[in-house]
Structure formats: structure tokens, C-alpha cells
N, C-alpha and C. Protein backbone atom coordinates (compact mmCIF):
# COMPACT_ATOMS: atom_id res chain seq x y z
N MET A 1 38.45 55.89 -16.98
CA MET A 1 38.59 56.62 -18.22
C MET A 1 40.06 56.96 -18.46
N VAL A 2 40.76 57.47 -17.43
CA VAL A 2 42.16 57.83 -17.60
C VAL A 2 43.00 56.60 -17.86
N GLY A 3 42.77 55.51 -17.10
CA GLY A 3 43.52 54.28 -17.30
C GLY A 3 43.29 53.71 -18.69
N HIS A 4 42.08 53.83 -19.20
CA HIS A 4 41.73 53.36 -20.54
C HIS A 4 42.56 54.09 -21.59
N ASP A 5 42.65 55.41 -21.50
CA ASP A 5 43.44 56.19 -22.45
C ASP A 5 44.92 55.82 -22.35
N LEU A 6 45.42 55.64 -21.13
CA LEU A 6 46.81 55.29 -20.94
C LEU A 6 47.09 53.92 -21.56
N PHE A 7 46.17 52.97 -21.41
CA PHE A 7 46.33 51.64 -22.02
C PHE A 7 46.51 51.76 -23.52
N TRP A 8 45.64 52.54 -24.18
CA TRP A 8 45.71 52.68 -25.63
C TRP A 8 46.96 53.43 -26.05
N ASP A 9 47.41 54.38 -25.24
CA ASP A 9 48.67 55.07 -25.53
C ASP A 9 49.84 54.10 -25.48
N MET A 10 49.86 53.25 -24.44
CA MET A 10 50.96 52.30 -24.30
C MET A 10 50.90 51.25 -25.42
N LEU A 11 49.71 50.83 -25.81
CA LEU A 11 49.56 49.89 -26.91
C LEU A 11 50.08 50.50 -28.21
N SER A 12 49.80 51.78 -28.41
CA SER A 12 50.29 52.48 -29.60
C SER A 12 51.81 52.52 -29.62
N VAL A 13 52.42 52.78 -28.46
CA VAL A 13 53.88 52.81 -28.37
C VAL A 13 54.44 51.42 -28.66
N ALA A 14 53.82 50.38 -28.09
CA ALA A 14 54.29 49.01 -28.32
C ALA A 14 54.22 48.65 -29.80
N ALA A 15 53.10 49.02 -30.45
CA ALA A 15 52.96 48.75 -31.88
C ALA A 15 54.03 49.49 -32.68
N SER A 16 54.34 50.70 -32.30
CA SER A 16 55.38 51.46 -33.00
C SER A 16 56.75 50.81 -32.83
N ILE A 17 57.01 50.28 -31.64
CA ILE A 17 58.29 49.61 -31.40
C ILE A 17 58.40 48.36 -32.25
N ILE A 18 57.30 47.58 -32.32
CA ILE A 18 57.31 46.38 -33.17
C ILE A 18 57.54 46.75 -34.63
N ALA A 19 56.90 47.82 -35.09
CA ALA A 19 57.09 48.28 -36.47
C ALA A 19 58.54 48.70 -36.69
N MET A 20 59.11 49.36 -35.70
CA MET A 20 60.49 49.83 -35.81
C MET A 20 61.44 48.64 -35.90
N VAL A 21 61.23 47.62 -35.06
CA VAL A 21 62.10 46.44 -35.08
C VAL A 21 61.98 45.72 -36.43
N SER A 22 60.76 45.62 -36.93
CA SER A 22 60.55 44.98 -38.24
C SER A 22 61.28 45.73 -39.34
N LEU A 23 61.22 47.05 -39.29
CA LEU A 23 61.90 47.88 -40.27
C LEU A 23 63.40 47.69 -40.19
N ILE A 24 63.93 47.62 -38.99
CA ILE A 24 65.37 47.44 -38.81
C ILE A 24 65.81 46.09 -39.37
N VAL A 25 65.02 45.04 -39.08
CA VAL A 25 65.36 43.71 -39.60
C VAL A 25 65.35 43.72 -41.12
N ALA A 26 64.35 44.38 -41.70
CA ALA A 26 64.28 44.45 -43.17
C ALA A 26 65.47 45.20 -43.73
N ILE A 27 65.90 46.26 -43.06
CA ILE A 27 67.04 47.04 -43.54
C ILE A 27 68.32 46.23 -43.46
N ILE A 28 68.48 45.51 -42.36
CA ILE A 28 69.69 44.71 -42.19
C ILE A 28 69.78 43.64 -43.26
N ASN A 29 68.65 43.08 -43.63
CA ASN A 29 68.64 42.02 -44.64
C ASN A 29 68.62 42.57 -46.07
N SER A 30 68.64 43.87 -46.22
CA SER A 30 68.59 44.46 -47.57
C SER A 30 69.96 44.44 -48.22
N THR A 31 70.02 45.02 -49.40
CA THR A 31 71.27 45.01 -50.18
C THR A 31 72.11 46.27 -49.95
N LEU A 32 71.76 47.07 -48.92
CA LEU A 32 72.55 48.28 -48.66
C LEU A 32 73.92 47.91 -48.12
N THR A 33 74.85 48.86 -48.26
CA THR A 33 76.16 48.67 -47.67
C THR A 33 76.00 48.73 -46.15
N PRO A 34 76.96 48.21 -45.40
CA PRO A 34 76.84 48.26 -43.93
C PRO A 34 76.64 49.69 -43.41
N ARG A 35 77.34 50.65 -43.99
CA ARG A 35 77.19 52.03 -43.55
C ARG A 35 75.79 52.55 -43.89
N GLY A 36 75.26 52.22 -45.06
CA GLY A 36 73.92 52.63 -45.47
C GLY A 36 72.86 52.02 -44.57
N LYS A 37 73.05 50.72 -44.23
CA LYS A 37 72.10 50.07 -43.33
C LYS A 37 72.06 50.77 -41.97
N TRP A 38 73.24 51.09 -41.46
CA TRP A 38 73.33 51.74 -40.16
C TRP A 38 72.64 53.09 -40.21
N LEU A 39 72.88 53.89 -41.24
CA LEU A 39 72.28 55.21 -41.37
C LEU A 39 70.76 55.13 -41.49
N VAL A 40 70.25 54.26 -42.35
CA VAL A 40 68.81 54.12 -42.53
C VAL A 40 68.16 53.61 -41.24
N GLY A 41 68.82 52.68 -40.56
CA GLY A 41 68.29 52.16 -39.29
C GLY A 41 68.16 53.25 -38.23
N CYS A 42 69.18 54.10 -38.11
CA CYS A 42 69.13 55.20 -37.13
C CYS A 42 68.01 56.19 -37.46
N VAL A 43 67.89 56.54 -38.72
CA VAL A 43 66.83 57.47 -39.14
C VAL A 43 65.46 56.85 -38.87
N SER A 44 65.31 55.56 -39.14
CA SER A 44 64.03 54.88 -38.91
C SER A 44 63.67 54.88 -37.43
N ILE A 45 64.65 54.58 -36.59
CA ILE A 45 64.41 54.56 -35.14
C ILE A 45 63.96 55.93 -34.67
N MET A 46 64.65 56.98 -35.11
CA MET A 46 64.29 58.33 -34.68
C MET A 46 62.91 58.72 -35.19
N ALA A 47 62.59 58.38 -36.43
CA ALA A 47 61.31 58.76 -37.02
C ALA A 47 60.15 58.07 -36.31
N VAL A 48 60.23 56.75 -36.16
CA VAL A 48 59.13 56.02 -35.53
C VAL A 48 59.03 56.38 -34.05
N GLY A 49 60.13 56.48 -33.35
CA GLY A 49 60.12 56.85 -31.93
C GLY A 49 59.57 58.25 -31.71
N SER A 50 59.95 59.17 -32.57
CA SER A 50 59.45 60.54 -32.45
C SER A 50 57.96 60.60 -32.71
N LEU A 51 57.48 59.85 -33.70
CA LEU A 51 56.06 59.82 -34.01
C LEU A 51 55.26 59.29 -32.83
N SER A 52 55.73 58.21 -32.20
CA SER A 52 55.03 57.64 -31.05
C SER A 52 55.00 58.63 -29.89
N ALA A 53 56.11 59.25 -29.61
CA ALA A 53 56.16 60.22 -28.51
C ALA A 53 55.27 61.41 -28.81
N TRP A 54 55.26 61.88 -30.06
CA TRP A 54 54.41 63.01 -30.43
C TRP A 54 52.94 62.66 -30.27
N ARG A 55 52.54 61.47 -30.74
CA ARG A 55 51.14 61.04 -30.63
C ARG A 55 50.72 60.95 -29.17
N MET A 56 51.59 60.40 -28.32
CA MET A 56 51.24 60.27 -26.90
C MET A 56 51.16 61.64 -26.24
N ALA A 57 52.10 62.51 -26.53
CA ALA A 57 52.08 63.86 -25.95
C ALA A 57 50.87 64.64 -26.43
N ASP A 58 50.50 64.48 -27.70
CA ASP A 58 49.35 65.19 -28.24
C ASP A 58 48.06 64.75 -27.55
N ARG A 59 47.91 63.48 -27.25
CA ARG A 59 46.70 62.98 -26.58
C ARG A 59 46.62 63.47 -25.15
N LEU A 60 47.74 63.82 -24.53
CA LEU A 60 47.74 64.25 -23.14
C LEU A 60 47.71 65.77 -22.98
N THR A 61 47.82 66.50 -24.08
CA THR A 61 47.84 67.96 -24.01
C THR A 61 46.45 68.50 -23.73
N ILE A 62 46.38 69.43 -22.81
CA ILE A 62 45.11 70.08 -22.50
C ILE A 62 44.83 71.09 -23.59
N GLU A 63 43.63 71.01 -24.14
CA GLU A 63 43.29 71.90 -25.23
C GLU A 63 43.12 73.33 -24.75
N LYS A 64 43.51 74.25 -25.61
CA LYS A 64 43.29 75.67 -25.32
C LYS A 64 41.81 75.97 -25.48
N GLY A 65 41.35 77.02 -24.81
CA GLY A 65 39.97 77.42 -24.97
C GLY A 65 39.36 77.92 -23.68
N LYS A 66 38.05 78.18 -23.74
CA LYS A 66 37.33 78.68 -22.58
C LYS A 66 36.56 77.56 -21.92
N PHE A 67 36.62 77.53 -20.61
CA PHE A 67 35.89 76.57 -19.80
C PHE A 67 35.02 77.35 -18.82
N GLU A 68 33.90 76.77 -18.45
CA GLU A 68 32.99 77.44 -17.53
C GLU A 68 33.35 77.08 -16.09
N TRP A 69 33.30 78.09 -15.21
CA TRP A 69 33.55 77.89 -13.79
C TRP A 69 32.30 78.35 -13.05
N GLN A 70 31.73 77.45 -12.27
CA GLN A 70 30.57 77.79 -11.46
C GLN A 70 30.86 77.46 -10.01
N TRP A 71 30.35 78.29 -9.13
CA TRP A 71 30.40 78.02 -7.70
C TRP A 71 29.00 78.27 -7.19
N ALA A 72 28.22 77.19 -7.10
CA ALA A 72 26.80 77.31 -6.78
C ALA A 72 26.57 77.98 -5.43
N GLY A 73 27.39 77.69 -4.45
CA GLY A 73 27.19 78.23 -3.11
C GLY A 73 27.25 79.75 -3.05
N GLU A 74 27.92 80.36 -4.00
CA GLU A 74 28.06 81.82 -4.01
C GLU A 74 27.39 82.47 -5.21
N ASN A 75 26.70 81.67 -6.03
CA ASN A 75 26.10 82.15 -7.28
C ASN A 75 27.16 82.75 -8.21
N TRP A 76 28.34 82.17 -8.21
CA TRP A 76 29.41 82.62 -9.09
C TRP A 76 29.32 81.88 -10.41
N TYR A 77 29.57 82.62 -11.47
CA TYR A 77 29.57 82.05 -12.81
C TYR A 77 30.61 82.81 -13.63
N GLY A 78 31.46 82.08 -14.33
CA GLY A 78 32.46 82.78 -15.12
C GLY A 78 33.21 81.84 -16.04
N THR A 79 34.33 82.31 -16.53
CA THR A 79 35.12 81.53 -17.46
C THR A 79 36.56 81.38 -16.97
N VAL A 80 37.15 80.29 -17.38
CA VAL A 80 38.57 80.05 -17.21
C VAL A 80 39.10 79.85 -18.61
N LYS A 81 40.02 80.68 -19.03
CA LYS A 81 40.57 80.61 -20.38
C LYS A 81 41.99 80.05 -20.30
N ILE A 82 42.22 78.96 -21.05
CA ILE A 82 43.54 78.34 -21.10
C ILE A 82 44.16 78.68 -22.45
N ASP A 83 45.39 79.19 -22.42
CA ASP A 83 46.07 79.61 -23.64
C ASP A 83 47.56 79.33 -23.47
N ASP A 84 48.33 79.61 -24.49
CA ASP A 84 49.78 79.45 -24.45
C ASP A 84 50.45 80.81 -24.46
N ASP A 85 51.59 80.89 -23.79
CA ASP A 85 52.49 82.02 -23.97
C ASP A 85 53.90 81.46 -24.05
N ARG A 86 54.89 82.30 -24.07
CA ARG A 86 56.25 81.79 -24.28
C ARG A 86 56.78 80.98 -23.09
N HIS A 87 56.09 81.02 -21.95
CA HIS A 87 56.52 80.28 -20.77
C HIS A 87 55.69 79.02 -20.51
N GLY A 88 54.74 78.70 -21.37
CA GLY A 88 53.91 77.51 -21.17
C GLY A 88 52.43 77.85 -21.18
N ARG A 89 51.67 77.11 -20.41
CA ARG A 89 50.22 77.31 -20.35
C ARG A 89 49.89 78.43 -19.37
N VAL A 90 49.01 79.32 -19.82
CA VAL A 90 48.59 80.45 -19.00
C VAL A 90 47.07 80.37 -18.84
N VAL A 91 46.60 80.82 -17.68
CA VAL A 91 45.19 80.73 -17.36
C VAL A 91 44.69 82.12 -16.96
N ALA A 92 43.53 82.50 -17.48
CA ALA A 92 42.89 83.76 -17.10
C ALA A 92 41.47 83.44 -16.61
N THR A 93 40.99 84.20 -15.65
CA THR A 93 39.63 83.99 -15.15
C THR A 93 38.86 85.29 -15.16
N ASP A 94 37.56 85.16 -15.26
CA ASP A 94 36.64 86.29 -15.18
C ASP A 94 35.34 85.74 -14.60
N VAL A 95 35.11 85.96 -13.31
CA VAL A 95 33.98 85.36 -12.61
C VAL A 95 33.07 86.46 -12.08
N HIS A 96 31.77 86.24 -12.23
CA HIS A 96 30.76 87.21 -11.80
C HIS A 96 29.79 86.57 -10.83
N LYS A 97 29.22 87.38 -9.94
CA LYS A 97 28.13 86.92 -9.08
C LYS A 97 26.84 87.21 -9.83
N ILE A 98 25.98 86.21 -9.93
CA ILE A 98 24.74 86.31 -10.71
C ILE A 98 23.55 86.51 -9.77
N ARG A 99 22.70 87.47 -10.14
CA ARG A 99 21.44 87.69 -9.41
C ARG A 99 20.30 87.69 -10.42
N LYS A 100 19.26 86.94 -10.10
CA LYS A 100 18.10 86.86 -10.97
C LYS A 100 17.06 87.89 -10.52
N ALA A 101 16.45 88.56 -11.50
CA ALA A 101 15.39 89.53 -11.20
C ALA A 101 14.32 89.44 -12.29
N ILE A 102 13.11 89.80 -11.92
CA ILE A 102 12.03 89.86 -12.90
C ILE A 102 11.65 91.32 -13.05
N GLU A 103 11.83 91.82 -14.27
CA GLU A 103 11.54 93.22 -14.57
C GLU A 103 10.52 93.28 -15.69
N ASN A 104 9.38 93.91 -15.42
CA ASN A 104 8.29 94.02 -16.40
C ASN A 104 7.88 92.65 -16.95
N GLY A 105 7.87 91.65 -16.07
CA GLY A 105 7.45 90.32 -16.47
C GLY A 105 8.47 89.53 -17.25
N VAL A 106 9.70 90.05 -17.34
CA VAL A 106 10.77 89.39 -18.09
C VAL A 106 11.88 88.99 -17.13
N CYS A 107 12.40 87.78 -17.32
CA CYS A 107 13.51 87.30 -16.49
C CYS A 107 14.82 87.99 -16.92
N VAL A 108 15.50 88.61 -15.96
CA VAL A 108 16.75 89.33 -16.23
C VAL A 108 17.82 88.83 -15.26
N TYR A 109 19.00 88.57 -15.78
CA TYR A 109 20.12 88.18 -14.92
C TYR A 109 21.11 89.33 -14.85
N ARG A 110 21.42 89.75 -13.66
CA ARG A 110 22.39 90.82 -13.42
C ARG A 110 23.68 90.18 -12.90
N SER A 111 24.78 90.79 -13.23
CA SER A 111 26.05 90.24 -12.74
C SER A 111 26.97 91.36 -12.29
N GLU A 112 27.82 91.02 -11.35
CA GLU A 112 28.86 91.94 -10.93
C GLU A 112 30.16 91.15 -10.80
N PRO A 113 31.28 91.72 -11.25
CA PRO A 113 32.54 90.98 -11.18
C PRO A 113 32.95 90.74 -9.73
N VAL A 114 33.41 89.51 -9.45
CA VAL A 114 33.85 89.18 -8.10
C VAL A 114 35.26 88.60 -8.06
N LEU A 115 35.76 88.09 -9.19
CA LEU A 115 37.09 87.49 -9.19
C LEU A 115 37.65 87.55 -10.60
N TRP A 116 38.90 88.01 -10.73
CA TRP A 116 39.52 88.05 -12.05
C TRP A 116 41.03 87.94 -11.91
N SER A 117 41.62 87.38 -12.95
CA SER A 117 43.06 87.20 -13.00
C SER A 117 43.47 86.97 -14.44
N SER A 118 44.69 87.32 -14.77
CA SER A 118 45.21 87.05 -16.11
C SER A 118 46.59 86.43 -16.06
N ASP A 119 47.06 86.07 -14.86
CA ASP A 119 48.43 85.56 -14.78
C ASP A 119 48.54 84.19 -14.11
N GLY A 120 47.52 83.35 -14.29
CA GLY A 120 47.59 82.01 -13.73
C GLY A 120 48.45 81.09 -14.57
N ARG A 121 48.93 80.03 -13.96
CA ARG A 121 49.75 79.03 -14.65
C ARG A 121 49.12 77.66 -14.49
N LEU A 122 49.26 76.84 -15.52
CA LEU A 122 48.71 75.49 -15.52
C LEU A 122 49.87 74.51 -15.60
N TYR A 123 49.84 73.50 -14.72
CA TYR A 123 50.88 72.48 -14.68
C TYR A 123 50.22 71.11 -14.74
N GLY A 124 50.61 70.27 -15.68
CA GLY A 124 50.06 68.93 -15.78
C GLY A 124 49.55 68.64 -17.17
N ASP A 125 48.68 67.65 -17.27
CA ASP A 125 48.14 67.25 -18.57
C ASP A 125 46.72 66.75 -18.38
N LYS A 126 46.17 66.07 -19.40
CA LYS A 126 44.77 65.64 -19.35
C LYS A 126 44.47 64.65 -18.24
N ARG A 127 45.50 64.01 -17.69
CA ARG A 127 45.28 63.06 -16.60
C ARG A 127 45.05 63.78 -15.28
N GLY A 128 45.33 65.06 -15.23
CA GLY A 128 45.17 65.86 -14.02
C GLY A 128 46.11 67.04 -14.07
N PHE A 129 45.66 68.19 -13.58
CA PHE A 129 46.52 69.36 -13.63
C PHE A 129 46.21 70.30 -12.48
N ASP A 130 47.16 71.17 -12.21
CA ASP A 130 47.01 72.20 -11.18
C ASP A 130 46.96 73.55 -11.86
N ILE A 131 46.16 74.44 -11.29
CA ILE A 131 46.14 75.84 -11.71
C ILE A 131 46.55 76.66 -10.50
N GLU A 132 47.53 77.50 -10.67
CA GLU A 132 47.96 78.42 -9.62
C GLU A 132 47.84 79.83 -10.16
N MET A 133 47.24 80.73 -9.37
CA MET A 133 47.09 82.10 -9.85
C MET A 133 47.00 83.09 -8.72
N GLN A 134 47.42 84.29 -9.02
CA GLN A 134 47.19 85.44 -8.16
C GLN A 134 45.99 86.16 -8.77
N ALA A 135 44.97 86.40 -7.97
CA ALA A 135 43.74 86.99 -8.51
C ALA A 135 43.33 88.18 -7.65
N ILE A 136 42.37 88.91 -8.16
CA ILE A 136 41.75 90.00 -7.41
C ILE A 136 40.31 89.59 -7.13
N GLN A 137 39.92 89.67 -5.86
CA GLN A 137 38.56 89.34 -5.48
C GLN A 137 37.90 90.58 -4.89
N LYS A 138 36.66 90.84 -5.31
CA LYS A 138 35.92 91.97 -4.77
C LYS A 138 35.25 91.52 -3.47
N VAL A 139 35.64 92.13 -2.35
CA VAL A 139 35.09 91.81 -1.03
C VAL A 139 34.60 93.11 -0.40
N ASP A 140 33.30 93.19 -0.12
CA ASP A 140 32.71 94.39 0.47
C ASP A 140 33.07 95.65 -0.31
N GLY A 141 33.06 95.55 -1.65
CA GLY A 141 33.32 96.69 -2.51
C GLY A 141 34.79 97.02 -2.68
N LYS A 142 35.69 96.27 -2.05
CA LYS A 142 37.13 96.51 -2.17
C LYS A 142 37.80 95.39 -2.95
N ASN A 143 38.84 95.73 -3.73
CA ASN A 143 39.61 94.74 -4.47
C ASN A 143 40.70 94.17 -3.56
N VAL A 144 40.64 92.86 -3.31
CA VAL A 144 41.56 92.20 -2.39
C VAL A 144 42.36 91.16 -3.17
N PRO A 145 43.71 91.21 -3.10
CA PRO A 145 44.50 90.18 -3.77
C PRO A 145 44.37 88.83 -3.04
N VAL A 146 44.18 87.76 -3.81
CA VAL A 146 44.10 86.42 -3.25
C VAL A 146 44.92 85.46 -4.10
N ALA A 147 45.39 84.40 -3.49
CA ALA A 147 46.10 83.35 -4.21
C ALA A 147 45.18 82.14 -4.29
N LEU A 148 45.10 81.52 -5.46
CA LEU A 148 44.26 80.35 -5.67
C LEU A 148 45.11 79.20 -6.18
N ARG A 149 44.77 78.00 -5.73
CA ARG A 149 45.39 76.79 -6.28
C ARG A 149 44.29 75.75 -6.45
N ALA A 150 44.12 75.27 -7.67
CA ALA A 150 43.11 74.27 -7.97
C ALA A 150 43.81 72.99 -8.42
N GLU A 151 43.36 71.85 -7.90
CA GLU A 151 43.83 70.54 -8.34
C GLU A 151 42.66 69.89 -9.06
N LEU A 152 42.80 69.69 -10.36
CA LEU A 152 41.69 69.22 -11.19
C LEU A 152 42.03 67.89 -11.84
N TYR A 153 41.01 67.03 -11.91
CA TYR A 153 41.15 65.71 -12.51
C TYR A 153 39.99 65.48 -13.46
N PRO A 154 40.19 64.66 -14.49
CA PRO A 154 39.08 64.41 -15.42
C PRO A 154 37.95 63.65 -14.73
N VAL A 155 36.73 64.03 -15.07
CA VAL A 155 35.53 63.35 -14.57
C VAL A 155 34.53 63.22 -15.71
N GLU A 156 33.55 62.37 -15.53
CA GLU A 156 32.48 62.23 -16.52
C GLU A 156 31.48 63.36 -16.29
N ALA A 157 31.05 64.02 -17.38
CA ALA A 157 30.10 65.13 -17.24
C ALA A 157 29.17 65.19 -18.45
N TYR A 158 27.97 65.72 -18.20
CA TYR A 158 26.97 65.95 -19.24
C TYR A 158 26.40 67.34 -19.02
N ALA A 159 26.07 68.04 -20.10
CA ALA A 159 25.55 69.39 -19.97
C ALA A 159 24.45 69.63 -20.99
N GLY A 160 23.50 70.50 -20.64
CA GLY A 160 22.42 70.85 -21.56
C GLY A 160 21.48 71.84 -20.92
N THR A 161 20.33 72.00 -21.53
CA THR A 161 19.34 72.95 -21.00
C THR A 161 18.23 72.19 -20.28
N VAL A 162 17.59 72.88 -19.36
CA VAL A 162 16.48 72.31 -18.61
C VAL A 162 15.37 73.35 -18.57
N THR A 163 14.12 72.87 -18.73
CA THR A 163 12.95 73.75 -18.65
C THR A 163 12.12 73.31 -17.46
N TYR A 164 11.76 74.26 -16.62
CA TYR A 164 10.95 74.00 -15.44
C TYR A 164 9.49 74.25 -15.80
N TYR A 165 8.71 73.19 -15.90
CA TYR A 165 7.29 73.31 -16.24
C TYR A 165 6.47 73.51 -14.97
N GLY A 166 5.39 74.26 -15.09
CA GLY A 166 4.52 74.50 -13.95
C GLY A 166 4.91 75.71 -13.13
N LYS A 167 6.04 76.33 -13.45
CA LYS A 167 6.43 77.55 -12.73
C LYS A 167 5.63 78.72 -13.27
N LYS A 168 5.24 79.60 -12.41
CA LYS A 168 4.43 80.74 -12.81
C LYS A 168 5.29 81.92 -13.28
N GLU A 169 6.56 81.92 -12.90
CA GLU A 169 7.42 83.04 -13.28
C GLU A 169 8.07 82.80 -14.64
N PRO A 170 8.58 83.85 -15.29
CA PRO A 170 9.15 83.70 -16.63
C PRO A 170 10.53 83.04 -16.64
N CYS A 171 11.19 82.91 -15.51
CA CYS A 171 12.53 82.32 -15.47
C CYS A 171 12.42 80.81 -15.37
N ASN A 172 11.98 80.16 -16.44
CA ASN A 172 11.77 78.72 -16.37
C ASN A 172 12.74 77.90 -17.22
N VAL A 173 13.75 78.53 -17.81
CA VAL A 173 14.74 77.82 -18.62
C VAL A 173 16.12 78.10 -18.05
N GLY A 174 16.93 77.07 -17.98
CA GLY A 174 18.29 77.24 -17.46
C GLY A 174 19.20 76.15 -17.98
N ASP A 175 20.36 76.07 -17.42
CA ASP A 175 21.35 75.06 -17.79
C ASP A 175 21.43 74.01 -16.70
N MET A 176 21.81 72.81 -17.11
CA MET A 176 22.06 71.74 -16.14
C MET A 176 23.36 71.07 -16.52
N VAL A 177 24.20 70.87 -15.53
CA VAL A 177 25.45 70.15 -15.72
C VAL A 177 25.46 69.02 -14.70
N LEU A 178 25.54 67.79 -15.20
CA LEU A 178 25.65 66.63 -14.32
C LEU A 178 27.10 66.17 -14.35
N VAL A 179 27.71 66.13 -13.18
CA VAL A 179 29.11 65.77 -13.07
C VAL A 179 29.24 64.59 -12.12
N ARG A 180 29.94 63.55 -12.56
CA ARG A 180 30.17 62.42 -11.68
C ARG A 180 31.34 62.77 -10.76
N TYR A 181 31.00 63.54 -9.75
CA TYR A 181 31.98 64.03 -8.79
C TYR A 181 31.23 64.39 -7.52
N THR A 182 31.74 64.00 -6.39
CA THR A 182 31.12 64.36 -5.12
C THR A 182 32.01 65.39 -4.44
N SER A 183 31.43 66.53 -4.13
CA SER A 183 32.18 67.62 -3.52
C SER A 183 32.72 67.22 -2.16
N GLY A 184 33.85 67.80 -1.83
CA GLY A 184 34.44 67.60 -0.51
C GLY A 184 33.70 68.39 0.56
N LEU A 185 32.87 69.34 0.12
CA LEU A 185 32.08 70.12 1.07
C LEU A 185 30.90 69.29 1.56
N ARG A 186 30.58 69.37 2.80
CA ARG A 186 29.46 68.61 3.36
C ARG A 186 28.40 69.56 3.85
N LEU A 187 27.15 69.32 3.44
CA LEU A 187 26.02 70.15 3.86
C LEU A 187 25.57 69.70 5.25
N ARG A 188 25.10 70.65 6.05
CA ARG A 188 24.58 70.31 7.39
C ARG A 188 23.10 70.39 7.40
């Protein structure tokens, strides 16, 4: 997937270069004075080159917004928010531990905060990026400072809802995310 996008980006740049060369040839063969030809040629080169670089950079920019973070082993569920500030990309997290309970025959999800940060930094682009942050983690009721570093790469994923039929309890609807990724953690 990443190589495919890079191929089309490079093809776009090549097409822009061909267009630029064609424009320069047309300008040279025009009726402008030599100084006018030189000036128009320079402006054309800058315009087409800048457009190609902008298009390529735009395709590689990580979009701002909220992303979901789950850690199944700990029942953690939360958000990672990517935004801009004057120093570049900033990342904030808000993660909760989820507990399921049935109260009066109704499925209820309770949560308690376990990890939060507002000063993370993002380095990289859509081909892969790192997140580094200083966070606070709740451990045995105490707030403990921790440092996190995530190395993330694009993967294929699908998401939606799932209904469990035949279950007797009311908690029969949930979310499913299928990710083409094999965890580095190994179950015993």
C-alpha cells in the first residue's frame, strides 16, 4: 500500500517535470524578448515545481483528528488526538480502563482513567511515524509519570459493529476491528 502511493507520487512528479520542460520549450520558441523568456521560464519552473512538491507533501501529511487506542490485554480504551501547534504536530491521549457490569438487567460500561497526556510529539508522515510523550499513568491509585514511544506504520484495517446471537445477557453488541497486523506479543 505504501509503495503504491509512493509510485503514484513519483509518477505525478515526473508528469509535472515533463509539463515544465514542455512549457519552457514553448516559451523559448515564443516571440518574447530573451529577458522575457528567461523571466517567464523561471516563474514557470517555480510554479510547477512548487505545485508538485505541495501535492506530494499533502498526500504524506497525517491528518489531524481523533484516533482510537485500545489495549485488549488491559481492557484499555481511549483516544489519541493529533493536532498542530506552533512547534509542529502535537499528540494528546486520554485512556480509560473499561469494566462491564449488568445493572437491573441493563449492560453498563464503567471506566476509570489510567493514562493521560497532552504534550506528546509526532515525527514522520503517512508512511510511518513515531509518537513520543510524557504521560501520567494511574498505578495502584497513584499518579506515576511515564515516558512512551510508539513506532506506527500504516496497515490494512476494517471496523464495524458485531452482535453476539444466542447470548443470554444484555451485553450482546460491540465493536470489531480487524487489523492486518500480528502483534509482537506472544501468548503462552
